[in-house]
PDB file of N, CA and C in Angstrom:
ATOM      1  N   MET A   1      -2.938 -53.657 -31.351  1.00  0.00           N
ATOM      2  CA  MET A   1      -1.935 -53.826 -30.321  1.00  0.00           C
ATOM      3  C   MET A   1      -1.818 -52.523 -29.545  1.00  0.00           C
ATOM      4  N   GLY A   2      -1.890 -52.607 -28.237  1.00  0.00           N
ATOM      5  CA  GLY A   2      -1.778 -51.430 -27.393  1.00  0.00           C
ATOM      6  C   GLY A   2      -0.339 -50.981 -27.243  1.00  0.00           C
ATOM      7  N   LEU A   3      -0.166 -49.793 -26.756  1.00  0.00           N
ATOM      8  CA  LEU A   3       1.161 -49.193 -26.622  1.00  0.00           C
ATOM      9  C   LEU A   3       2.120 -50.074 -25.836  1.00  0.00           C
ATOM     10  N   PHE A   4       1.670 -50.650 -24.736  1.00  0.00           N
ATOM     11  CA  PHE A   4       2.579 -51.426 -23.897  1.00  0.00           C
ATOM     12  C   PHE A   4       2.323 -52.931 -23.965  1.00  0.00           C
ATOM     13  N   ASP A   5       1.547 -53.400 -24.976  1.00  0.00           N
ATOM     14  CA  ASP A   5       1.379 -54.837 -25.174  1.00  0.00           C
ATOM     15  C   ASP A   5       2.735 -55.438 -25.501  1.00  0.00           C
ATOM     16  N   GLY A   6       3.118 -56.448 -24.784  1.00  0.00           N
ATOM     17  CA  GLY A   6       4.398 -57.096 -25.045  1.00  0.00           C
ATOM     18  C   GLY A   6       5.588 -56.243 -24.671  1.00  0.00           C
ATOM     19  N   PHE A   7       5.404 -55.291 -23.766  1.00  0.00           N
ATOM     20  CA  PHE A   7       6.484 -54.389 -23.364  1.00  0.00           C
ATOM     21  C   PHE A   7       7.675 -55.183 -22.864  1.00  0.00           C
ATOM     22  N   SER A   8       8.840 -54.886 -23.421  1.00  0.00           N
ATOM     23  CA  SER A   8      10.046 -55.573 -22.957  1.00  0.00           C
ATOM     24  C   SER A   8      11.211 -54.627 -22.744  1.00  0.00           C
ATOM     25  N   GLY A   9      11.120 -53.409 -23.259  1.00  0.00           N
ATOM     26  CA  GLY A   9      12.233 -52.470 -23.105  1.00  0.00           C
ATOM     27  C   GLY A   9      13.480 -53.031 -23.757  1.00  0.00           C
ATOM     28  N   SER A  10      14.618 -52.787 -23.165  1.00  0.00           N
ATOM     29  CA  SER A  10      15.873 -53.350 -23.665  1.00  0.00           C
ATOM     30  C   SER A  10      16.782 -53.599 -22.479  1.00  0.00           C
ATOM     31  N   GLU A  11      17.749 -54.465 -22.666  1.00  0.00           N
ATOM     32  CA  GLU A  11      18.696 -54.731 -21.582  1.00  0.00           C
ATOM     33  C   GLU A  11      19.401 -53.442 -21.165  1.00  0.00           C
ATOM     34  N   GLU A  12      19.793 -52.628 -22.144  1.00  0.00           N
ATOM     35  CA  GLU A  12      20.476 -51.368 -21.845  1.00  0.00           C
ATOM     36  C   GLU A  12      19.553 -50.434 -21.066  1.00  0.00           C
ATOM     37  N   GLY A  13      18.289 -50.327 -21.510  1.00  0.00           N
ATOM     38  CA  GLY A  13      17.333 -49.467 -20.823  1.00  0.00           C
ATOM     39  C   GLY A  13      17.094 -49.909 -19.394  1.00  0.00           C
ATOM     40  N   LEU A  14      16.987 -51.214 -19.191  1.00  0.00           N
ATOM     41  CA  LEU A  14      16.738 -51.716 -17.845  1.00  0.00           C
ATOM     42  C   LEU A  14      17.906 -51.454 -16.914  1.00  0.00           C
ATOM     43  N   LYS A  15      19.114 -51.400 -17.439  1.00  0.00           N
ATOM     44  CA  LYS A  15      20.277 -51.109 -16.609  1.00  0.00           C
ATOM     45  C   LYS A  15      20.256 -49.665 -16.125  1.00  0.00           C
ATOM     46  N   ASN A  16      19.687 -48.775 -16.943  1.00  0.00           N
ATOM     47  CA  ASN A  16      19.745 -47.352 -16.634  1.00  0.00           C
ATOM     48  C   ASN A  16      18.557 -46.874 -15.812  1.00  0.00           C
ATOM     49  N   SER A  17      17.356 -47.026 -16.332  1.00  0.00           N
ATOM     50  CA  SER A  17      16.189 -46.499 -15.641  1.00  0.00           C
ATOM     51  C   SER A  17      14.914 -46.957 -16.331  1.00  0.00           C
ATOM     52  N   ALA A  18      13.799 -46.802 -15.626  1.00  0.00           N
ATOM     53  CA  ALA A  18      12.503 -47.098 -16.223  1.00  0.00           C
ATOM     54  C   ALA A  18      12.245 -46.143 -17.383  1.00  0.00           C
ATOM     55  N   PHE A  19      12.649 -44.887 -17.234  1.00  0.00           N
ATOM     56  CA  PHE A  19      12.476 -43.890 -18.292  1.00  0.00           C
ATOM     57  C   PHE A  19      13.161 -44.348 -19.577  1.00  0.00           C
ATOM     58  N   GLU A  20      14.397 -44.823 -19.462  1.00  0.00           N
ATOM     59  CA  GLU A  20      15.138 -45.298 -20.631  1.00  0.00           C
ATOM     60  C   GLU A  20      14.502 -46.554 -21.214  1.00  0.00           C
ATOM     61  N   ALA A  21      13.965 -47.427 -20.366  1.00  0.00           N
ATOM     62  CA  ALA A  21      13.307 -48.642 -20.843  1.00  0.00           C
ATOM     63  C   ALA A  21      12.052 -48.304 -21.645  1.00  0.00           C
ATOM     64  N   ILE A  22      11.279 -47.325 -21.176  1.00  0.00           N
ATOM     65  CA  ILE A  22      10.083 -46.896 -21.905  1.00  0.00           C
ATOM     66  C   ILE A  22      10.480 -46.303 -23.249  1.00  0.00           C
ATOM     67  N   LYS A  23      11.492 -45.442 -23.260  1.00  0.00           N
ATOM     68  CA  LYS A  23      11.955 -44.856 -24.524  1.00  0.00           C
ATOM     69  C   LYS A  23      12.432 -45.937 -25.489  1.00  0.00           C
ATOM     70  N   ALA A  24      13.138 -46.942 -24.985  1.00  0.00           N
ATOM     71  CA  ALA A  24      13.622 -48.033 -25.840  1.00  0.00           C
ATOM     72  C   ALA A  24      12.454 -48.766 -26.488  1.00  0.00           C
ATOM     73  N   GLU A  25      11.379 -48.994 -25.730  1.00  0.00           N
ATOM     74  CA  GLU A  25      10.206 -49.673 -26.284  1.00  0.00           C
ATOM     75  C   GLU A  25       9.518 -48.800 -27.325  1.00  0.00           C
ATOM     76  N   LEU A  26       9.388 -47.511 -27.063  1.00  0.00           N
ATOM     77  CA  LEU A  26       8.784 -46.607 -28.042  1.00  0.00           C
ATOM     78  C   LEU A  26       9.616 -46.574 -29.318  1.00  0.00           C
ATOM     79  N   ASP A  27      10.938 -46.568 -29.183  1.00  0.00           N
ATOM     80  CA  ASP A  27      11.821 -46.593 -30.350  1.00  0.00           C
ATOM     81  C   ASP A  27      11.645 -47.884 -31.139  1.00  0.00           C
ATOM     82  N   LYS A  28      11.532 -49.023 -30.433  1.00  0.00           N
ATOM     83  CA  LYS A  28      11.334 -50.305 -31.107  1.00  0.00           C
ATOM     84  C   LYS A  28      10.046 -50.309 -31.915  1.00  0.00           C
ATOM     85  N   GLN A  29       9.023 -49.615 -31.420  1.00  0.00           N
ATOM     86  CA  GLN A  29       7.733 -49.568 -32.104  1.00  0.00           C
ATOM     87  C   GLN A  29       7.657 -48.402 -33.087  1.00  0.00           C
ATOM     88  N   ASP A  30       8.774 -47.716 -33.305  1.00  0.00           N
ATOM     89  CA  ASP A  30       8.856 -46.590 -34.247  1.00  0.00           C
ATOM     90  C   ASP A  30       7.862 -45.478 -33.925  1.00  0.00           C
ATOM     91  N   MET A  31       7.654 -45.192 -32.656  1.00  0.00           N
ATOM     92  CA  MET A  31       6.727 -44.138 -32.254  1.00  0.00           C
ATOM     93  C   MET A  31       7.500 -42.849 -32.008  1.00  0.00           C
ATOM     94  N   LYS A  32       6.901 -41.748 -32.405  1.00  0.00           N
ATOM     95  CA  LYS A  32       7.523 -40.438 -32.205  1.00  0.00           C
ATOM     96  C   LYS A  32       7.065 -39.884 -30.854  1.00  0.00           C
ATOM     97  N   TYR A  33       8.000 -39.238 -30.154  1.00  0.00           N
ATOM     98  CA  TYR A  33       7.691 -38.690 -28.838  1.00  0.00           C
ATOM     99  C   TYR A  33       8.650 -37.549 -28.526  1.00  0.00           C
ATOM    100  N   GLY A  34       8.261 -36.723 -27.571  1.00  0.00           N
ATOM    101  CA  GLY A  34       9.123 -35.660 -27.081  1.00  0.00           C
ATOM    102  C   GLY A  34       9.446 -35.919 -25.619  1.00  0.00           C
ATOM    103  N   GLU A  35      10.569 -35.389 -25.186  1.00  0.00           N
ATOM    104  CA  GLU A  35      11.001 -35.581 -23.796  1.00  0.00           C
ATOM    105  C   GLU A  35      11.038 -34.241 -23.079  1.00  0.00           C
ATOM    106  N   ASP A  36      10.746 -34.279 -21.797  1.00  0.00           N
ATOM    107  CA  ASP A  36      10.782 -33.077 -20.975  1.00  0.00           C
ATOM    108  C   ASP A  36      11.046 -33.516 -19.540  1.00  0.00           C
ATOM    109  N   GLU A  37      11.309 -32.574 -18.678  1.00  0.00           N
ATOM    110  CA  GLU A  37      11.415 -32.884 -17.252  1.00  0.00           C
ATOM    111  C   GLU A  37      10.885 -31.714 -16.454  1.00  0.00           C
ATOM    112  N   THR A  38      10.487 -31.988 -15.218  1.00  0.00           N
ATOM    113  CA  THR A  38       9.974 -30.931 -14.360  1.00  0.00           C
ATOM    114  C   THR A  38      11.114 -29.993 -13.978  1.00  0.00           C
ATOM    115  N   GLU A  39      10.756 -28.811 -13.511  1.00  0.00           N
ATOM    116  CA  GLU A  39      11.766 -27.806 -13.165  1.00  0.00           C
ATOM    117  C   GLU A  39      12.763 -28.305 -12.128  1.00  0.00           C
ATOM    118  N   ASP A  40      12.281 -29.103 -11.177  1.00  0.00           N
ATOM    119  CA  ASP A  40      13.184 -29.613 -10.141  1.00  0.00           C
ATOM    120  C   ASP A  40      13.980 -30.838 -10.608  1.00  0.00           C
ATOM    121  N   GLY A  41      13.680 -31.337 -11.807  1.00  0.00           N
ATOM    122  CA  GLY A  41      14.415 -32.460 -12.377  1.00  0.00           C
ATOM    123  C   GLY A  41      14.074 -33.809 -11.778  1.00  0.00           C
ATOM    124  N   GLU A  42      13.067 -33.859 -10.916  1.00  0.00           N
ATOM    125  CA  GLU A  42      12.730 -35.119 -10.247  1.00  0.00           C
ATOM    126  C   GLU A  42      11.839 -36.021 -11.081  1.00  0.00           C
ATOM    127  N   GLU A  43      11.151 -35.465 -12.066  1.00  0.00           N
ATOM    128  CA  GLU A  43      10.272 -36.268 -12.913  1.00  0.00           C
ATOM    129  C   GLU A  43      10.631 -36.042 -14.371  1.00  0.00           C
ATOM    130  N   GLN A  44      10.601 -37.114 -15.136  1.00  0.00           N
ATOM    131  CA  GLN A  44      10.837 -37.027 -16.570  1.00  0.00           C
ATOM    132  C   GLN A  44       9.516 -37.305 -17.265  1.00  0.00           C
ATOM    133  N   ILE A  45       9.290 -36.629 -18.388  1.00  0.00           N
ATOM    134  CA  ILE A  45       8.006 -36.695 -19.070  1.00  0.00           C
ATOM    135  C   ILE A  45       8.215 -37.090 -20.522  1.00  0.00           C
ATOM    136  N   ILE A  46       7.401 -38.026 -20.982  1.00  0.00           N
ATOM    137  CA  ILE A  46       7.367 -38.395 -22.394  1.00  0.00           C
ATOM    138  C   ILE A  46       6.018 -37.924 -22.912  1.00  0.00           C
ATOM    139  N   ARG A  47       6.028 -37.124 -23.980  1.00  0.00           N
ATOM    140  CA  ARG A  47       4.789 -36.586 -24.551  1.00  0.00           C
ATOM    141  C   ARG A  47       4.613 -37.125 -25.963  1.00  0.00           C
ATOM    142  N   MET A  48       3.385 -37.537 -26.267  1.00  0.00           N
ATOM    143  CA  MET A  48       3.084 -38.043 -27.603  1.00  0.00           C
ATOM    144  C   MET A  48       1.717 -37.545 -28.037  1.00  0.00           C
ATOM    145  N   ARG A  49       1.547 -37.449 -29.327  1.00  0.00           N
ATOM    146  CA  ARG A  49       0.240 -37.173 -29.920  1.00  0.00           C
ATOM    147  C   ARG A  49       0.047 -38.254 -30.970  1.00  0.00           C
ATOM    148  N   GLN A  50      -1.018 -39.027 -30.834  1.00  0.00           N
ATOM    149  CA  GLN A  50      -1.262 -40.156 -31.727  1.00  0.00           C
ATOM    150  C   GLN A  50      -2.661 -40.064 -32.316  1.00  0.00           C
ATOM    151  N   GLN A  51      -2.796 -40.558 -33.539  1.00  0.00           N
ATOM    152  CA  GLN A  51      -4.108 -40.649 -34.163  1.00  0.00           C
ATOM    153  C   GLN A  51      -4.588 -42.088 -34.045  1.00  0.00           C
ATOM    154  N   LEU A  52      -5.787 -42.257 -33.507  1.00  0.00           N
ATOM    155  CA  LEU A  52      -6.362 -43.583 -33.336  1.00  0.00           C
ATOM    156  C   LEU A  52      -6.923 -44.090 -34.658  1.00  0.00           C
ATOM    157  N   ASP A  53      -7.247 -45.376 -34.693  1.00  0.00           N
ATOM    158  CA  ASP A  53      -7.816 -45.977 -35.904  1.00  0.00           C
ATOM    159  C   ASP A  53      -9.114 -45.303 -36.332  1.00  0.00           C
ATOM    160  N   ASN A  54      -9.873 -44.750 -35.378  1.00  0.00           N
ATOM    161  CA  ASN A  54     -11.141 -44.097 -35.706  1.00  0.00           C
ATOM    162  C   ASN A  54     -10.958 -42.632 -36.121  1.00  0.00           C
ATOM    163  N   GLY A  55      -9.707 -42.180 -36.206  1.00  0.00           N
ATOM    164  CA  GLY A  55      -9.426 -40.815 -36.644  1.00  0.00           C
ATOM    165  C   GLY A  55      -9.269 -39.804 -35.520  1.00  0.00           C
ATOM    166  N   SER A  56      -9.650 -40.169 -34.313  1.00  0.00           N
ATOM    167  CA  SER A  56      -9.501 -39.259 -33.176  1.00  0.00           C
ATOM    168  C   SER A  56      -8.024 -39.073 -32.847  1.00  0.00           C
ATOM    169  N   VAL A  57      -7.680 -37.865 -32.424  1.00  0.00           N
ATOM    170  CA  VAL A  57      -6.306 -37.571 -32.027  1.00  0.00           C
ATOM    171  C   VAL A  57      -6.266 -37.472 -30.505  1.00  0.00           C
ATOM    172  N   VAL A  58      -5.310 -38.165 -29.902  1.00  0.00           N
ATOM    173  CA  VAL A  58      -5.163 -38.122 -28.449  1.00  0.00           C
ATOM    174  C   VAL A  58      -3.768 -37.632 -28.090  1.00  0.00           C
ATOM    175  N   SER A  59      -3.686 -36.895 -27.001  1.00  0.00           N
ATOM    176  CA  SER A  59      -2.394 -36.472 -26.461  1.00  0.00           C
ATOM    177  C   SER A  59      -2.116 -37.311 -25.226  1.00  0.00           C
ATOM    178  N   ILE A  60      -0.877 -37.778 -25.110  1.00  0.00           N
ATOM    179  CA  ILE A  60      -0.493 -38.666 -24.019  1.00  0.00           C
ATOM    180  C   ILE A  60       0.732 -38.084 -23.332  1.00  0.00           C
ATOM    181  N   ALA A  61       0.719 -38.081 -22.009  1.00  0.00           N
ATOM    182  CA  ALA A  61       1.906 -37.699 -21.242  1.00  0.00           C
ATOM    183  C   ALA A  61       2.174 -38.808 -20.233  1.00  0.00           C
ATOM    184  N   VAL A  62       3.378 -39.369 -20.283  1.00  0.00           N
ATOM    185  CA  VAL A  62       3.798 -40.387 -19.326  1.00  0.00           C
ATOM    186  C   VAL A  62       4.810 -39.716 -18.407  1.00  0.00           C
ATOM    187  N   VAL A  63       4.481 -39.635 -17.127  1.00  0.00           N
ATOM    188  CA  VAL A  63       5.370 -39.005 -16.155  1.00  0.00           C
ATOM    189  C   VAL A  63       6.063 -40.109 -15.363  1.00  0.00           C
ATOM    190  N   VAL A  64       7.389 -40.087 -15.371  1.00  0.00           N
ATOM    191  CA  VAL A  64       8.177 -41.118 -14.697  1.00  0.00           C
ATOM    192  C   VAL A  64       8.891 -40.488 -13.504  1.00  0.00           C
ATOM    193  N   THR A  65       8.610 -41.017 -12.323  1.00  0.00           N
ATOM    194  CA  THR A  65       9.289 -40.593 -11.103  1.00  0.00           C
ATOM    195  C   THR A  65      10.103 -41.772 -10.607  1.00  0.00           C
ATOM    196  N   GLU A  66      11.409 -41.606 -10.554  1.00  0.00           N
ATOM    197  CA  GLU A  66      12.274 -42.693 -10.100  1.00  0.00           C
ATOM    198  C   GLU A  66      13.009 -42.260  -8.836  1.00  0.00           C
ATOM    199  N   LYS A  67      13.118 -43.173  -7.935  1.00  0.00           N
ATOM    200  CA  LYS A  67      13.812 -42.889  -6.676  1.00  0.00           C
ATOM    201  C   LYS A  67      14.841 -43.980  -6.420  1.00  0.00           C
ATOM    202  N   GLY A  68      15.785 -44.148  -7.322  1.00  0.00           N
ATOM    203  CA  GLY A  68      16.866 -45.085  -7.058  1.00  0.00           C
ATOM    204  C   GLY A  68      17.048 -46.198  -8.052  1.00  0.00           C
ATOM    205  N   ASP A  69      15.988 -46.969  -8.356  1.00  0.00           N
ATOM    206  CA  ASP A  69      16.163 -48.067  -9.298  1.00  0.00           C
ATOM    207  C   ASP A  69      14.897 -48.284 -10.112  1.00  0.00           C
ATOM    208  N   THR A  70      14.927 -49.278 -10.997  1.00  0.00           N
ATOM    209  CA  THR A  70      13.810 -49.490 -11.911  1.00  0.00           C
ATOM    210  C   THR A  70      12.607 -50.139 -11.247  1.00  0.00           C
ATOM    211  N   ASN A  71      12.650 -50.410  -9.966  1.00  0.00           N
ATOM    212  CA  ASN A  71      11.507 -50.991  -9.275  1.00  0.00           C
ATOM    213  C   ASN A  71      10.610 -49.928  -8.657  1.00  0.00           C
ATOM    214  N   ASP A  72      10.766 -48.692  -9.077  1.00  0.00           N
ATOM    215  CA  ASP A  72       9.975 -47.599  -8.523  1.00  0.00           C
ATOM    216  C   ASP A  72       8.740 -47.332  -9.374  1.00  0.00           C
ATOM    217  N   PHE A  73       8.104 -46.211  -9.123  1.00  0.00           N
ATOM    218  CA  PHE A  73       6.830 -45.892  -9.746  1.00  0.00           C
ATOM    219  C   PHE A  73       6.993 -45.319 -11.136  1.00  0.00           C
ATOM    220  N   ILE A  74       6.017 -45.663 -11.994  1.00  0.00           N
ATOM    221  CA  ILE A  74       5.906 -45.047 -13.321  1.00  0.00           C
ATOM    222  C   ILE A  74       4.522 -44.445 -13.382  1.00  0.00           C
TER     223      ILE A  74
END
């Protein structure tokens, strides 16, 4: 199952932001992650390091830029 297979977020997350919806989904899947934001505060970043089934380790950064509502870019 991929990270965003069956992505649904949560009602609470959807009310707030795409960033909160992504965090809610990661929490539901029991995934560990760190949060950060750019110096200007316009982008929020979720950072993860995961080990794949083949033993390889990958680093992932999801940068979320929101401009008003959850229908914006991720």
